[in-house]
PDB file of N, CA and C in Angstrom:
ATOM      1  N   MET A   1     101.788 -53.656 307.222  1.00  0.00           N
ATOM      2  CA  MET A   1     101.015 -52.627 306.567  1.00  0.00           C
ATOM      3  C   MET A   1     101.869 -51.366 306.466  1.00  0.00           C
ATOM      4  N   ASN A   2     101.655 -50.636 305.418  1.00  0.00           N
ATOM      5  CA  ASN A   2     102.363 -49.382 305.238  1.00  0.00           C
ATOM      6  C   ASN A   2     101.531 -48.194 305.684  1.00  0.00           C
ATOM      7  N   ASN A   3     100.366 -48.443 306.283  1.00  0.00           N
ATOM      8  CA  ASN A   3      99.526 -47.360 306.764  1.00  0.00           C
ATOM      9  C   ASN A   3     100.185 -46.683 307.948  1.00  0.00           C
ATOM     10  N   LEU A   4      99.969 -45.379 308.050  1.00  0.00           N
ATOM     11  CA  LEU A   4     100.464 -44.634 309.211  1.00  0.00           C
ATOM     12  C   LEU A   4      99.356 -44.531 310.239  1.00  0.00           C
ATOM     13  N   TYR A   5      99.709 -44.786 311.473  1.00  0.00           N
ATOM     14  CA  TYR A   5      98.771 -44.721 312.583  1.00  0.00           C
ATOM     15  C   TYR A   5      99.231 -43.641 313.546  1.00  0.00           C
ATOM     16  N   LYS A   6      98.278 -42.889 314.063  1.00  0.00           N
ATOM     17  CA  LYS A   6      98.599 -41.836 315.023  1.00  0.00           C
ATOM     18  C   LYS A   6      98.715 -42.441 316.408  1.00  0.00           C
ATOM     19  N   VAL A   7      99.847 -42.176 317.032  1.00  0.00           N
ATOM     20  CA  VAL A   7     100.099 -42.649 318.392  1.00  0.00           C
ATOM     21  C   VAL A   7      99.721 -41.506 319.335  1.00  0.00           C
ATOM     22  N   ILE A   8      98.852 -41.815 320.284  1.00  0.00           N
ATOM     23  CA  ILE A   8      98.297 -40.800 321.191  1.00  0.00           C
ATOM     24  C   ILE A   8      98.802 -41.060 322.609  1.00  0.00           C
ATOM     25  N   TRP A   9      99.236 -39.965 323.262  1.00  0.00           N
ATOM     26  CA  TRP A   9      99.652 -40.028 324.654  1.00  0.00           C
ATOM     27  C   TRP A   9      98.969 -38.895 325.389  1.00  0.00           C
ATOM     28  N   LYS A  10      98.132 -39.240 326.375  1.00  0.00           N
ATOM     29  CA  LYS A  10      97.395 -38.264 327.178  1.00  0.00           C
ATOM     30  C   LYS A  10      96.621 -37.287 326.301  1.00  0.00           C
ATOM     31  N   GLY A  11      95.963 -37.822 325.270  1.00  0.00           N
ATOM     32  CA  GLY A  11      95.112 -37.013 324.409  1.00  0.00           C
ATOM     33  C   GLY A  11      95.835 -36.229 323.333  1.00  0.00           C
ATOM     34  N   GLN A  12      97.151 -36.306 323.288  1.00  0.00           N
ATOM     35  CA  GLN A  12      97.932 -35.562 322.299  1.00  0.00           C
ATOM     36  C   GLN A  12      98.605 -36.532 321.326  1.00  0.00           C
ATOM     37  N   GLU A  13      98.593 -36.151 320.057  1.00  0.00           N
ATOM     38  CA  GLU A  13      99.283 -36.961 319.062  1.00  0.00           C
ATOM     39  C   GLU A  13     100.782 -36.761 319.225  1.00  0.00           C
ATOM     40  N   VAL A  14     101.499 -37.869 319.380  1.00  0.00           N
ATOM     41  CA  VAL A  14     102.947 -37.773 319.565  1.00  0.00           C
ATOM     42  C   VAL A  14     103.731 -38.244 318.340  1.00  0.00           C
ATOM     43  N   ALA A  15     103.113 -39.062 317.498  1.00  0.00           N
ATOM     44  CA  ALA A  15     103.825 -39.552 316.307  1.00  0.00           C
ATOM     45  C   ALA A  15     102.844 -40.204 315.354  1.00  0.00           C
ATOM     46  N   GLU A  16     103.283 -40.303 314.104  1.00  0.00           N
ATOM     47  CA  GLU A  16     102.579 -41.114 313.109  1.00  0.00           C
ATOM     48  C   GLU A  16     103.544 -42.202 312.675  1.00  0.00           C
ATOM     49  N   LEU A  17     103.168 -43.457 312.933  1.00  0.00           N
ATOM     50  CA  LEU A  17     104.068 -44.574 312.695  1.00  0.00           C
ATOM     51  C   LEU A  17     103.349 -45.703 311.963  1.00  0.00           C
ATOM     52  N   THR A  18     104.123 -46.523 311.262  1.00  0.00           N
ATOM     53  CA  THR A  18     103.570 -47.746 310.690  1.00  0.00           C
ATOM     54  C   THR A  18     103.455 -48.783 311.796  1.00  0.00           C
ATOM     55  N   SER A  19     102.761 -49.880 311.516  1.00  0.00           N
ATOM     56  CA  SER A  19     102.610 -50.915 312.548  1.00  0.00           C
ATOM     57  C   SER A  19     103.971 -51.508 312.930  1.00  0.00           C
ATOM     58  N   ALA A  20     104.873 -51.646 311.949  1.00  0.00           N
ATOM     59  CA  ALA A  20     106.209 -52.175 312.253  1.00  0.00           C
ATOM     60  C   ALA A  20     106.982 -51.215 313.156  1.00  0.00           C
ATOM     61  N   GLU A  21     106.867 -49.917 312.887  1.00  0.00           N
ATOM     62  CA  GLU A  21     107.551 -48.918 313.718  1.00  0.00           C
ATOM     63  C   GLU A  21     106.966 -48.879 315.122  1.00  0.00           C
ATOM     64  N   ILE A  22     105.645 -49.059 315.229  1.00  0.00           N
ATOM     65  CA  ILE A  22     105.010 -49.082 316.550  1.00  0.00           C
ATOM     66  C   ILE A  22     105.547 -50.257 317.354  1.00  0.00           C
ATOM     67  N   LYS A  23     105.621 -51.430 316.724  1.00  0.00           N
ATOM     68  CA  LYS A  23     106.145 -52.614 317.427  1.00  0.00           C
ATOM     69  C   LYS A  23     107.604 -52.415 317.834  1.00  0.00           C
ATOM     70  N   LYS A  24     108.393 -51.808 316.933  1.00  0.00           N
ATOM     71  CA  LYS A  24     109.810 -51.576 317.243  1.00  0.00           C
ATOM     72  C   LYS A  24     109.956 -50.600 318.403  1.00  0.00           C
ATOM     73  N   ASN A  25     109.208 -49.483 318.354  1.00  0.00           N
ATOM     74  CA  ASN A  25     109.280 -48.490 319.437  1.00  0.00           C
ATOM     75  C   ASN A  25     108.760 -49.061 320.745  1.00  0.00           C
ATOM     76  N   LEU A  26     107.797 -49.949 320.669  1.00  0.00           N
ATOM     77  CA  LEU A  26     107.275 -50.595 321.874  1.00  0.00           C
ATOM     78  C   LEU A  26     108.338 -51.509 322.488  1.00  0.00           C
ATOM     79  N   SER A  27     109.053 -52.239 321.648  1.00  0.00           N
ATOM     80  CA  SER A  27     110.076 -53.155 322.171  1.00  0.00           C
ATOM     81  C   SER A  27     111.294 -52.409 322.719  1.00  0.00           C
ATOM     82  N   THR A  28     111.565 -51.220 322.168  1.00  0.00           N
ATOM     83  CA  THR A  28     112.705 -50.444 322.663  1.00  0.00           C
ATOM     84  C   THR A  28     112.340 -49.533 323.821  1.00  0.00           C
ATOM     85  N   GLY A  29     111.057 -49.451 324.152  1.00  0.00           N
ATOM     86  CA  GLY A  29     110.630 -48.638 325.280  1.00  0.00           C
ATOM     87  C   GLY A  29     110.346 -47.177 324.948  1.00  0.00           C
ATOM     88  N   LYS A  30     110.385 -46.798 323.691  1.00  0.00           N
ATOM     89  CA  LYS A  30     110.093 -45.407 323.321  1.00  0.00           C
ATOM     90  C   LYS A  30     108.615 -45.078 323.508  1.00  0.00           C
ATOM     91  N   ILE A  31     107.760 -46.085 323.319  1.00  0.00           N
ATOM     92  CA  ILE A  31     106.340 -45.939 323.631  1.00  0.00           C
ATOM     93  C   ILE A  31     105.961 -47.122 324.509  1.00  0.00           C
ATOM     94  N   GLY A  32     104.825 -46.988 325.191  1.00  0.00           N
ATOM     95  CA  GLY A  32     104.425 -48.041 326.114  1.00  0.00           C
ATOM     96  C   GLY A  32     102.999 -48.503 325.876  1.00  0.00           C
ATOM     97  N   MET A  33     102.572 -49.451 326.687  1.00  0.00           N
ATOM     98  CA  MET A  33     101.232 -50.009 326.575  1.00  0.00           C
ATOM     99  C   MET A  33     100.156 -49.002 326.959  1.00  0.00           C
ATOM    100  N   GLN A  34     100.554 -47.887 327.594  1.00  0.00           N
ATOM    101  CA  GLN A  34      99.587 -46.860 327.975  1.00  0.00           C
ATOM    102  C   GLN A  34      99.209 -45.964 326.798  1.00  0.00           C
ATOM    103  N   HIS A  35      99.995 -45.984 325.743  1.00  0.00           N
ATOM    104  CA  HIS A  35      99.674 -45.186 324.561  1.00  0.00           C
ATOM    105  C   HIS A  35      98.428 -45.749 323.881  1.00  0.00           C
ATOM    106  N   GLN A  36      97.765 -44.882 323.138  1.00  0.00           N
ATOM    107  CA  GLN A  36      96.623 -45.304 322.346  1.00  0.00           C
ATOM    108  C   GLN A  36      96.950 -45.103 320.871  1.00  0.00           C
ATOM    109  N   ILE A  37      96.211 -45.799 320.025  1.00  0.00           N
ATOM    110  CA  ILE A  37      96.383 -45.698 318.587  1.00  0.00           C
ATOM    111  C   ILE A  37      95.064 -45.228 317.988  1.00  0.00           C
ATOM    112  N   LYS A  38      95.161 -44.270 317.081  1.00  0.00           N
ATOM    113  CA  LYS A  38      93.960 -43.755 316.427  1.00  0.00           C
ATOM    114  C   LYS A  38      93.819 -44.434 315.067  1.00  0.00           C
ATOM    115  N   ILE A  39      92.721 -45.186 314.918  1.00  0.00           N
ATOM    116  CA  ILE A  39      92.403 -45.858 313.656  1.00  0.00           C
ATOM    117  C   ILE A  39      90.987 -45.448 313.264  1.00  0.00           C
ATOM    118  N   ALA A  40      90.859 -44.826 312.116  1.00  0.00           N
ATOM    119  CA  ALA A  40      89.553 -44.430 311.575  1.00  0.00           C
ATOM    120  C   ALA A  40      88.741 -43.639 312.596  1.00  0.00           C
ATOM    121  N   GLU A  41      89.348 -42.606 313.127  1.00  0.00           N
ATOM    122  CA  GLU A  41      88.699 -41.705 314.093  1.00  0.00           C
ATOM    123  C   GLU A  41      88.291 -42.399 315.393  1.00  0.00           C
ATOM    124  N   GLU A  42      88.873 -43.534 315.668  1.00  0.00           N
ATOM    125  CA  GLU A  42      88.586 -44.258 316.902  1.00  0.00           C
ATOM    126  C   GLU A  42      89.894 -44.523 317.634  1.00  0.00           C
ATOM    127  N   PHE A  43      89.893 -44.310 318.939  1.00  0.00           N
ATOM    128  CA  PHE A  43      91.066 -44.564 319.762  1.00  0.00           C
ATOM    129  C   PHE A  43      90.968 -45.979 320.321  1.00  0.00           C
ATOM    130  N   ILE A  44      92.048 -46.749 320.116  1.00  0.00           N
ATOM    131  CA  ILE A  44      92.072 -48.102 320.680  1.00  0.00           C
ATOM    132  C   ILE A  44      93.329 -48.249 321.530  1.00  0.00           C
ATOM    133  N   SER A  45      93.266 -49.191 322.441  1.00  0.00           N
ATOM    134  CA  SER A  45      94.413 -49.419 323.324  1.00  0.00           C
ATOM    135  C   SER A  45      95.546 -50.087 322.546  1.00  0.00           C
ATOM    136  N   MET A  46      96.734 -49.979 323.076  1.00  0.00           N
ATOM    137  CA  MET A  46      97.896 -50.600 322.453  1.00  0.00           C
ATOM    138  C   MET A  46      97.710 -52.119 322.395  1.00  0.00           C
ATOM    139  N   LYS A  47      97.133 -52.694 323.447  1.00  0.00           N
ATOM    140  CA  LYS A  47      96.918 -54.140 323.484  1.00  0.00           C
ATOM    141  C   LYS A  47      96.004 -54.583 322.343  1.00  0.00           C
ATOM    142  N   LYS A  48      94.912 -53.851 322.151  1.00  0.00           N
ATOM    143  CA  LYS A  48      93.977 -54.201 321.079  1.00  0.00           C
ATOM    144  C   LYS A  48      94.630 -54.004 319.710  1.00  0.00           C
ATOM    145  N   PHE A  49      95.431 -52.956 319.559  1.00  0.00           N
ATOM    146  CA  PHE A  49      96.130 -52.711 318.294  1.00  0.00           C
ATOM    147  C   PHE A  49      97.065 -53.868 317.957  1.00  0.00           C
ATOM    148  N   LEU A  50      97.793 -54.346 318.959  1.00  0.00           N
ATOM    149  CA  LEU A  50      98.709 -55.461 318.734  1.00  0.00           C
ATOM    150  C   LEU A  50      97.955 -56.739 318.378  1.00  0.00           C
ATOM    151  N   GLU A  51      96.781 -56.932 318.958  1.00  0.00           N
ATOM    152  CA  GLU A  51      95.960 -58.091 318.602  1.00  0.00           C
ATOM    153  C   GLU A  51      95.500 -57.992 317.153  1.00  0.00           C
ATOM    154  N   ILE A  52      95.114 -56.797 316.735  1.00  0.00           N
ATOM    155  CA  ILE A  52      94.674 -56.584 315.351  1.00  0.00           C
ATOM    156  C   ILE A  52      95.834 -56.818 314.392  1.00  0.00           C
ATOM    157  N   CYS A  53      97.016 -56.351 314.751  1.00  0.00           N
ATOM    158  CA  CYS A  53      98.194 -56.519 313.884  1.00  0.00           C
ATOM    159  C   CYS A  53      98.548 -57.980 313.680  1.00  0.00           C
ATOM    160  N   ASP A  54      98.256 -58.816 314.652  1.00  0.00           N
ATOM    161  CA  ASP A  54      98.599 -60.234 314.557  1.00  0.00           C
ATOM    162  C   ASP A  54      97.562 -61.050 313.795  1.00  0.00           C
ATOM    163  N   MET A  55      96.445 -60.419 313.407  1.00  0.00           N
ATOM    164  CA  MET A  55      95.413 -61.129 312.651  1.00  0.00           C
ATOM    165  C   MET A  55      95.920 -61.376 311.232  1.00  0.00           C
ATOM    166  N   PRO A  56      95.657 -62.547 310.669  1.00  0.00           N
ATOM    167  CA  PRO A  56      96.151 -62.869 309.326  1.00  0.00           C
ATOM    168  C   PRO A  56      95.631 -61.919 308.246  1.00  0.00           C
ATOM    169  N   GLU A  57      94.412 -61.390 308.396  1.00  0.00           N
ATOM    170  CA  GLU A  57      93.862 -60.487 307.395  1.00  0.00           C
ATOM    171  C   GLU A  57      94.627 -59.175 307.340  1.00  0.00           C
ATOM    172  N   PHE A  58      95.263 -58.801 308.444  1.00  0.00           N
ATOM    173  CA  PHE A  58      95.964 -57.535 308.544  1.00  0.00           C
ATOM    174  C   PHE A  58      97.328 -57.603 307.864  1.00  0.00           C
ATOM    175  N   GLN A  59      97.905 -58.771 307.843  1.00  0.00           N
ATOM    176  CA  GLN A  59      99.255 -58.937 307.317  1.00  0.00           C
ATOM    177  C   GLN A  59      99.214 -59.169 305.818  1.00  0.00           C
ATOM    178  N   THR A  60     100.195 -58.615 305.118  1.00  0.00           N
ATOM    179  CA  THR A  60     100.280 -58.836 303.682  1.00  0.00           C
ATOM    180  C   THR A  60     101.244 -59.985 303.429  1.00  0.00           C
ATOM    181  N   SER A  61     100.965 -60.728 302.407  1.00  0.00           N
ATOM    182  CA  SER A  61     101.798 -61.866 302.065  1.00  0.00           C
ATOM    183  C   SER A  61     102.478 -61.600 300.738  1.00  0.00           C
ATOM    184  N   SER A  62     103.789 -61.739 300.701  1.00  0.00           N
ATOM    185  CA  SER A  62     104.493 -61.538 299.439  1.00  0.00           C
ATOM    186  C   SER A  62     104.104 -62.634 298.452  1.00  0.00           C
ATOM    187  N   PHE A  63     103.762 -63.816 298.953  1.00  0.00           N
ATOM    188  CA  PHE A  63     103.309 -64.897 298.085  1.00  0.00           C
ATOM    189  C   PHE A  63     102.041 -64.495 297.338  1.00  0.00           C
ATOM    190  N   GLU A  64     101.100 -63.880 298.043  1.00  0.00           N
ATOM    191  CA  GLU A  64      99.861 -63.443 297.401  1.00  0.00           C
ATOM    192  C   GLU A  64     100.118 -62.307 296.422  1.00  0.00           C
ATOM    193  N   ASN A  65     101.069 -61.447 296.716  1.00  0.00           N
ATOM    194  CA  ASN A  65     101.418 -60.382 295.772  1.00  0.00           C
ATOM    195  C   ASN A  65     102.013 -60.963 294.498  1.00  0.00           C
ATOM    196  N   ILE A  66     102.865 -61.972 294.643  1.00  0.00           N
ATOM    197  CA  ILE A  66     103.454 -62.622 293.472  1.00  0.00           C
ATOM    198  C   ILE A  66     102.376 -63.344 292.664  1.00  0.00           C
ATOM    199  N   LEU A  67     101.433 -63.984 293.351  1.00  0.00           N
ATOM    200  CA  LEU A  67     100.326 -64.623 292.646  1.00  0.00           C
ATOM    201  C   LEU A  67      99.504 -63.609 291.865  1.00  0.00           C
ATOM    202  N   GLY A  68      99.290 -62.445 292.448  1.00  0.00           N
ATOM    203  CA  GLY A  68      98.555 -61.390 291.755  1.00  0.00           C
ATOM    204  C   GLY A  68      99.263 -60.950 290.490  1.00  0.00           C
ATOM    205  N   ILE A  69     100.564 -60.780 290.570  1.00  0.00           N
ATOM    206  CA  ILE A  69     101.347 -60.372 289.396  1.00  0.00           C
ATOM    207  C   ILE A  69     101.289 -61.463 288.327  1.00  0.00           C
ATOM    208  N   ALA A  70     101.415 -62.719 288.735  1.00  0.00           N
ATOM    209  CA  ALA A  70     101.330 -63.828 287.782  1.00  0.00           C
ATOM    210  C   ALA A  70      99.954 -63.876 287.128  1.00  0.00           C
ATOM    211  N   ALA A  71      98.927 -63.616 287.918  1.00  0.00           N
ATOM    212  CA  ALA A  71      97.566 -63.631 287.363  1.00  0.00           C
ATOM    213  C   ALA A  71      97.389 -62.525 286.333  1.00  0.00           C
ATOM    214  N   TYR A  72      97.937 -61.334 286.597  1.00  0.00           N
ATOM    215  CA  TYR A  72      97.861 -60.248 285.614  1.00  0.00           C
ATOM    216  C   TYR A  72      98.608 -60.635 284.338  1.00  0.00           C
ATOM    217  N   PHE A  73      99.752 -61.276 284.484  1.00  0.00           N
ATOM    218  CA  PHE A  73     100.524 -61.710 283.315  1.00  0.00           C
ATOM    219  C   PHE A  73      99.709 -62.697 282.480  1.00  0.00           C
ATOM    220  N   PHE A  74      99.156 -63.729 283.136  1.00  0.00           N
ATOM    221  CA  PHE A  74      98.386 -64.725 282.404  1.00  0.00           C
ATOM    222  C   PHE A  74      97.083 -64.148 281.850  1.00  0.00           C
ATOM    223  N   SER A  75      96.547 -63.123 282.509  1.00  0.00           N
ATOM    224  CA  SER A  75      95.374 -62.451 281.963  1.00  0.00           C
ATOM    225  C   SER A  75      95.711 -61.824 280.621  1.00  0.00           C
ATOM    226  N   GLY A  76      96.893 -61.244 280.523  1.00  0.00           N
ATOM    227  CA  GLY A  76      97.313 -60.616 279.272  1.00  0.00           C
ATOM    228  C   GLY A  76      97.513 -61.612 278.159  1.00  0.00           C
ATOM    229  N   ILE A  77      98.076 -62.775 278.475  1.00  0.00           N
ATOM    230  CA  ILE A  77      98.309 -63.747 277.405  1.00  0.00           C
ATOM    231  C   ILE A  77      97.089 -64.619 277.145  1.00  0.00           C
ATOM    232  N   ALA A  78      96.004 -64.415 277.891  1.00  0.00           N
ATOM    233  CA  ALA A  78      94.755 -65.122 277.610  1.00  0.00           C
ATOM    234  C   ALA A  78      94.214 -64.723 276.240  1.00  0.00           C
ATOM    235  N   PHE A  79      94.765 -63.658 275.679  1.00  0.00           N
ATOM    236  CA  PHE A  79      94.450 -63.210 274.330  1.00  0.00           C
ATOM    237  C   PHE A  79      94.699 -64.335 273.327  1.00  0.00           C
ATOM    238  N   LEU A  80      95.696 -65.157 273.594  1.00  0.00           N
ATOM    239  CA  LEU A  80      96.113 -66.193 272.643  1.00  0.00           C
ATOM    240  C   LEU A  80      95.192 -67.415 272.636  1.00  0.00           C
ATOM    241  N   SER A  81      94.609 -67.740 273.788  1.00  0.00           N
ATOM    242  CA  SER A  81      93.790 -68.944 273.864  1.00  0.00           C
ATOM    243  C   SER A  81      92.871 -68.875 275.084  1.00  0.00           C
ATOM    244  N   PHE A  82      91.667 -69.418 274.899  1.00  0.00           N
ATOM    245  CA  PHE A  82      90.750 -69.489 276.037  1.00  0.00           C
ATOM    246  C   PHE A  82      91.304 -70.397 277.134  1.00  0.00           C
ATOM    247  N   TYR A  83      92.082 -71.388 276.736  1.00  0.00           N
ATOM    248  CA  TYR A  83      92.641 -72.313 277.716  1.00  0.00           C
ATOM    249  C   TYR A  83      93.606 -71.606 278.668  1.00  0.00           C
ATOM    250  N   LEU A  84      94.294 -70.600 278.164  1.00  0.00           N
ATOM    251  CA  LEU A  84      95.200 -69.839 279.031  1.00  0.00           C
ATOM    252  C   LEU A  84      94.434 -68.987 280.037  1.00  0.00           C
ATOM    253  N   ALA A  85      93.164 -68.742 279.784  1.00  0.00           N
ATOM    254  CA  ALA A  85      92.345 -67.956 280.710  1.00  0.00           C
ATOM    255  C   ALA A  85      92.047 -68.728 281.990  1.00  0.00           C
ATOM    256  N   ILE A  86      92.198 -70.028 281.953  1.00  0.00           N
ATOM    257  CA  ILE A  86      91.910 -70.845 283.145  1.00  0.00           C
ATOM    258  C   ILE A  86      92.877 -70.509 284.277  1.00  0.00           C
ATOM    259  N   ILE A  87      94.128 -70.246 283.928  1.00  0.00           N
ATOM    260  CA  ILE A  87      95.148 -69.995 284.959  1.00  0.00           C
ATOM    261  C   ILE A  87      94.818 -68.751 285.789  1.00  0.00           C
ATOM    262  N   PRO A  88      94.610 -67.567 285.164  1.00  0.00           N
ATOM    263  CA  PRO A  88      94.310 -66.397 286.008  1.00  0.00           C
ATOM    264  C   PRO A  88      92.978 -66.510 286.734  1.00  0.00           C
ATOM    265  N   LEU A  89      92.017 -67.229 286.153  1.00  0.00           N
ATOM    266  CA  LEU A  89      90.736 -67.387 286.843  1.00  0.00           C
ATOM    267  C   LEU A  89      90.890 -68.249 288.096  1.00  0.00           C
ATOM    268  N   CYS A  90      91.747 -69.253 288.026  1.00  0.00           N
ATOM    269  CA  CYS A  90      92.034 -70.074 289.224  1.00  0.00           C
ATOM    270  C   CYS A  90      92.762 -69.240 290.283  1.00  0.00           C
ATOM    271  N   LEU A  91      93.717 -68.435 289.837  1.00  0.00           N
ATOM    272  CA  LEU A  91      94.430 -67.571 290.784  1.00  0.00           C
ATOM    273  C   LEU A  91      93.488 -66.538 291.397  1.00  0.00           C
ATOM    274  N   ALA A  92      92.561 -66.026 290.600  1.00  0.00           N
ATOM    275  CA  ALA A  92      91.574 -65.065 291.123  1.00  0.00           C
ATOM    276  C   ALA A  92      90.681 -65.737 292.164  1.00  0.00           C
ATOM    277  N   ALA A  93      90.314 -66.995 291.927  1.00  0.00           N
ATOM    278  CA  ALA A  93      89.501 -67.730 292.910  1.00  0.00           C
ATOM    279  C   ALA A  93      90.251 -67.859 294.235  1.00  0.00           C
ATOM    280  N   TYR A  94      91.542 -68.117 294.167  1.00  0.00           N
ATOM    281  CA  TYR A  94      92.352 -68.198 295.384  1.00  0.00           C
ATOM    282  C   TYR A  94      92.383 -66.849 296.105  1.00  0.00           C
ATOM    283  N   LEU A  95      92.511 -65.754 295.327  1.00  0.00           N
ATOM    284  CA  LEU A  95      92.547 -64.428 295.946  1.00  0.00           C
ATOM    285  C   LEU A  95      91.209 -64.075 296.583  1.00  0.00           C
ATOM    286  N   VAL A  96      90.111 -64.530 295.994  1.00  0.00           N
ATOM    287  CA  VAL A  96      88.796 -64.328 296.624  1.00  0.00           C
ATOM    288  C   VAL A  96      88.754 -65.090 297.950  1.00  0.00           C
ATOM    289  N   TYR A  97      89.288 -66.295 297.954  1.00  0.00           N
ATOM    290  CA  TYR A  97      89.360 -67.096 299.186  1.00  0.00           C
ATOM    291  C   TYR A  97      90.157 -66.361 300.267  1.00  0.00           C
ATOM    292  N   LYS A  98      91.187 -65.612 299.855  1.00  0.00           N
ATOM    293  CA  LYS A  98      92.017 -64.864 300.796  1.00  0.00           C
ATOM    294  C   LYS A  98      91.500 -63.441 301.038  1.00  0.00           C
ATOM    295  N   ASN A  99      90.264 -63.168 300.632  1.00  0.00           N
ATOM    296  CA  ASN A  99      89.606 -61.873 300.841  1.00  0.00           C
ATOM    297  C   ASN A  99      90.291 -60.713 300.125  1.00  0.00           C
ATOM    298  N   LYS A 100      90.869 -60.977 298.986  1.00  0.00           N
ATOM    299  CA  LYS A 100      91.449 -59.926 298.143  1.00  0.00           C
ATOM    300  C   LYS A 100      90.500 -59.735 296.963  1.00  0.00           C
ATOM    301  N   ASN A 101      89.245 -59.393 297.265  1.00  0.00           N
ATOM    302  CA  ASN A 101      88.182 -59.377 296.273  1.00  0.00           C
ATOM    303  C   ASN A 101      88.401 -58.350 295.170  1.00  0.00           C
ATOM    304  N   GLN A 102      88.873 -57.171 295.509  1.00  0.00           N
ATOM    305  CA  GLN A 102      89.058 -56.131 294.495  1.00  0.00           C
ATOM    306  C   GLN A 102      90.127 -56.545 293.479  1.00  0.00           C
ATOM    307  N   GLN A 103      91.227 -57.090 293.943  1.00  0.00           N
ATOM    308  CA  GLN A 103      92.283 -57.551 293.047  1.00  0.00           C
ATOM    309  C   GLN A 103      91.772 -58.705 292.186  1.00  0.00           C
ATOM    310  N   ALA A 104      91.013 -59.622 292.768  1.00  0.00           N
ATOM    311  CA  ALA A 104      90.467 -60.751 292.021  1.00  0.00           C
ATOM    312  C   ALA A 104      89.494 -60.274 290.946  1.00  0.00           C
ATOM    313  N   LEU A 105      88.675 -59.291 291.270  1.00  0.00           N
ATOM    314  CA  LEU A 105      87.726 -58.753 290.303  1.00  0.00           C
ATOM    315  C   LEU A 105      88.445 -58.118 289.115  1.00  0.00           C
ATOM    316  N   MET A 106      89.539 -57.410 289.386  1.00  0.00           N
ATOM    317  CA  MET A 106      90.325 -56.810 288.305  1.00  0.00           C
ATOM    318  C   MET A 106      90.937 -57.893 287.416  1.00  0.00           C
ATOM    319  N   ILE A 107      91.412 -58.955 288.004  1.00  0.00           N
ATOM    320  CA  ILE A 107      92.009 -60.055 287.238  1.00  0.00           C
ATOM    321  C   ILE A 107      90.953 -60.725 286.364  1.00  0.00           C
ATOM    322  N   ILE A 108      89.775 -60.965 286.933  1.00  0.00           N
ATOM    323  CA  ILE A 108      88.697 -61.590 286.161  1.00  0.00           C
ATOM    324  C   ILE A 108      88.290 -60.697 284.994  1.00  0.00           C
ATOM    325  N   ALA A 109      88.116 -59.404 285.248  1.00  0.00           N
ATOM    326  CA  ALA A 109      87.724 -58.477 284.184  1.00  0.00           C
ATOM    327  C   ALA A 109      88.787 -58.420 283.089  1.00  0.00           C
ATOM    328  N   LEU A 110      90.043 -58.325 283.475  1.00  0.00           N
ATOM    329  CA  LEU A 110      91.136 -58.275 282.495  1.00  0.00           C
ATOM    330  C   LEU A 110      91.205 -59.568 281.682  1.00  0.00           C
ATOM    331  N   THR A 111      91.023 -60.698 282.340  1.00  0.00           N
ATOM    332  CA  THR A 111      91.052 -61.989 281.644  1.00  0.00           C
ATOM    333  C   THR A 111      89.918 -62.093 280.630  1.00  0.00           C
ATOM    334  N   LEU A 112      88.721 -61.702 281.051  1.00  0.00           N
ATOM    335  CA  LEU A 112      87.580 -61.790 280.146  1.00  0.00           C
ATOM    336  C   LEU A 112      87.750 -60.861 278.945  1.00  0.00           C
ATOM    337  N   CYS A 113      88.209 -59.639 279.191  1.00  0.00           N
ATOM    338  CA  CYS A 113      88.435 -58.700 278.085  1.00  0.00           C
ATOM    339  C   CYS A 113      89.510 -59.214 277.141  1.00  0.00           C
ATOM    340  N   SER A 114      90.590 -59.696 277.683  1.00  0.00           N
ATOM    341  CA  SER A 114      91.687 -60.190 276.861  1.00  0.00           C
ATOM    342  C   SER A 114      91.252 -61.398 276.035  1.00  0.00           C
ATOM    343  N   SER A 115      90.527 -62.313 276.652  1.00  0.00           N
ATOM    344  CA  SER A 115      90.054 -63.499 275.930  1.00  0.00           C
ATOM    345  C   SER A 115      89.075 -63.115 274.827  1.00  0.00           C
ATOM    346  N   LEU A 116      88.172 -62.216 275.133  1.00  0.00           N
ATOM    347  CA  LEU A 116      87.195 -61.774 274.142  1.00  0.00           C
ATOM    348  C   LEU A 116      87.866 -61.075 272.967  1.00  0.00           C
ATOM    349  N   LEU A 117      88.810 -60.201 273.253  1.00  0.00           N
ATOM    350  CA  LEU A 117      89.543 -59.524 272.184  1.00  0.00           C
ATOM    351  C   LEU A 117      90.340 -60.519 271.341  1.00  0.00           C
ATOM    352  N   GLY A 118      90.920 -61.517 271.973  1.00  0.00           N
ATOM    353  CA  GLY A 118      91.639 -62.555 271.237  1.00  0.00           C
ATOM    354  C   GLY A 118      90.713 -63.352 270.340  1.00  0.00           C
ATOM    355  N   TRP A 119      89.544 -63.704 270.855  1.00  0.00           N
ATOM    356  CA  TRP A 119      88.566 -64.442 270.069  1.00  0.00           C
ATOM    357  C   TRP A 119      88.134 -63.617 268.850  1.00  0.00           C
ATOM    358  N   ILE A 120      87.839 -62.328 269.065  1.00  0.00           N
ATOM    359  CA  ILE A 120      87.439 -61.448 267.960  1.00  0.00           C
ATOM    360  C   ILE A 120      88.573 -61.316 266.943  1.00  0.00           C
ATOM    361  N   PHE A 121      89.766 -61.076 267.425  1.00  0.00           N
ATOM    362  CA  PHE A 121      90.922 -60.902 266.537  1.00  0.00           C
ATOM    363  C   PHE A 121      91.143 -62.137 265.679  1.00  0.00           C
ATOM    364  N   PHE A 122      91.198 -63.308 266.305  1.00  0.00           N
ATOM    365  CA  PHE A 122      91.484 -64.526 265.557  1.00  0.00           C
ATOM    366  C   PHE A 122      90.314 -64.937 264.660  1.00  0.00           C
ATOM    367  N   SER A 123      89.085 -64.542 265.021  1.00  0.00           N
ATOM    368  CA  SER A 123      87.937 -64.788 264.154  1.00  0.00           C
ATOM    369  C   SER A 123      88.024 -63.954 262.897  1.00  0.00           C
ATOM    370  N   LEU A 124      88.505 -62.712 263.040  1.00  0.00           N
ATOM    371  CA  LEU A 124      88.594 -61.815 261.888  1.00  0.00           C
ATOM    372  C   LEU A 124      89.714 -62.198 260.936  1.00  0.00           C
ATOM    373  N   ILE A 125      90.821 -62.723 261.440  1.00  0.00           N
ATOM    374  CA  ILE A 125      91.934 -63.023 260.543  1.00  0.00           C
ATOM    375  C   ILE A 125      91.851 -64.410 259.939  1.00  0.00           C
ATOM    376  N   SER A 126      90.951 -65.245 260.429  1.00  0.00           N
ATOM    377  CA  SER A 126      90.883 -66.589 259.834  1.00  0.00           C
ATOM    378  C   SER A 126      89.740 -66.729 258.855  1.00  0.00           C
TER     379      SER A 126
END
């Protein structure tokens, strides 16, 4: 994640770090398990933060990002044929399965708009 988290020591903010930087500083001994992390106005222990970081929902996948880009591409070319709309809709279904609902909704909306505009365009010129 690229989010910045506030690292707290004895009630004082000592740094704002990404999760990767927190793990690196923890392994090098710059911060310890006694530090707390502030997430959404709540202080959690370092142990709990590390457990959250290891959850699959917390981690981003470059594969899913590439699928999202491919889905946007196929959404754009769905203008040419309704059959091409099947590809981004399948990719959007996969993203819903992976709890990327907002991205999937954008892909579905773009696909439907592109397909509809293509249908209107080709109806008018034929």
